[in-house]
Amino acid sequence: MIRFRLKELIAEKEFQEGRRITLEEISKATGIHRTTLSKVSNQKGYNTTTEVLDKLCEYFQVSLGQLAEHIKVKSQGDA
């Protein structure tokens, strides 16, 4: 499963800039709808587009690997 690190990136940017950053602010800066940002941030396994990923990488000035990570999901047969 792919896990997006949007919450962590927001927290890092807030710390660096010493201010609160909202999804609304990110939405205005990137053109990504706030609802989409909320789903990327909160919904497990959310499926999004490469365009959204590209815009988020640009906004946070990170690589795709810093925005998303692959998490191995244990199957029912795994112990």
Protein backbone atom coordinates (compact mmCIF):
# COMPACT_ATOMS: atom_id res chain seq x y z
CA MET A 1 0.00 0.00 0.00
CA ILE A 2 1.19 3.53 -0.69
CA ARG A 3 1.12 5.91 2.27
CA PHE A 4 1.28 9.64 1.70
CA ARG A 5 3.34 11.68 4.15
CA LEU A 6 1.33 14.88 3.66
CA LYS A 7 0.67 15.45 7.37
CA GLU A 8 4.37 15.06 8.18
CA LEU A 9 5.38 17.44 5.39
CA ILE A 10 2.88 20.03 6.58
CA ALA A 11 4.21 19.73 10.15
CA GLU A 12 7.81 20.13 8.93
CA LYS A 13 6.92 23.20 6.85
CA GLU A 14 5.01 24.71 9.79
CA PHE A 15 8.05 24.22 12.03
CA GLN A 16 10.46 25.68 9.47
CA GLU A 17 8.28 28.72 8.79
CA GLY A 18 7.04 29.16 12.37
CA ARG A 19 3.40 29.38 11.37
CA ARG A 20 0.31 27.27 10.78
CA ILE A 21 -0.28 25.96 7.25
CA THR A 22 -3.79 24.96 6.27
CA LEU A 23 -5.06 22.69 3.53
CA GLU A 24 -6.84 25.76 2.16
CA GLU A 25 -3.49 27.55 1.79
CA ILE A 26 -1.95 24.54 0.04
CA SER A 27 -5.03 24.31 -2.18
CA LYS A 28 -4.68 27.94 -3.28
CA ALA A 29 -0.94 27.56 -3.92
CA THR A 30 -1.19 24.31 -5.89
CA GLY A 31 -4.63 24.37 -7.50
CA ILE A 32 -5.45 21.03 -5.83
CA HIS A 33 -8.97 20.96 -4.39
CA ARG A 34 -9.05 21.04 -0.59
CA THR A 35 -11.16 17.86 -0.50
CA THR A 36 -8.51 16.02 -2.52
CA LEU A 37 -5.81 17.23 -0.12
CA SER A 38 -7.89 16.01 2.82
CA LYS A 39 -8.31 12.59 1.23
CA VAL A 40 -4.59 12.31 0.43
CA SER A 41 -3.82 13.30 4.00
CA ASN A 42 -6.36 11.13 5.82
CA GLN A 43 -7.68 8.29 3.67
CA LYS A 44 -5.73 5.03 3.77
CA GLY A 45 -4.79 3.84 0.29
CA TYR A 46 -6.24 6.91 -1.47
CA ASN A 47 -5.75 6.75 -5.24
CA THR A 48 -4.67 10.06 -6.77
CA THR A 49 -3.14 11.32 -10.01
CA THR A 50 0.46 11.94 -10.95
CA GLU A 51 -0.50 15.58 -11.54
CA VAL A 52 -1.50 15.94 -7.86
CA LEU A 53 1.70 14.22 -6.75
CA ASP A 54 3.79 16.49 -8.97
CA LYS A 55 2.14 19.65 -7.60
CA LEU A 56 2.67 18.50 -4.00
CA CYS A 57 6.32 17.68 -4.69
CA GLU A 58 6.77 21.16 -6.17
CA TYR A 59 4.99 22.88 -3.26
CA PHE A 60 6.99 21.10 -0.57
CA GLN A 61 10.20 20.99 -2.67
CA VAL A 62 10.60 17.25 -2.09
CA SER A 63 11.06 14.13 -4.18
CA LEU A 64 8.26 11.65 -4.74
CA GLY A 65 9.98 9.28 -2.30
CA GLN A 66 9.71 11.93 0.40
CA LEU A 67 6.01 12.47 -0.31
CA ALA A 68 4.94 8.82 -0.49
CA GLU A 69 6.22 5.52 0.79
CA HIS A 70 5.38 1.89 0.16
CA ILE A 71 4.13 0.01 3.21
CA LYS A 72 4.07 -3.77 3.03
CA VAL A 73 0.63 -5.02 4.00
CA LYS A 74 0.53 -8.39 5.68
CA SER A 75 -1.76 -10.82 3.92
CA GLN A 76 -4.02 -13.11 5.95
CA GLY A 77 -1.57 -15.98 5.40
CA ASP A 78 1.39 -14.03 6.86
CA ALA A 79 2.21 -14.60 10.51
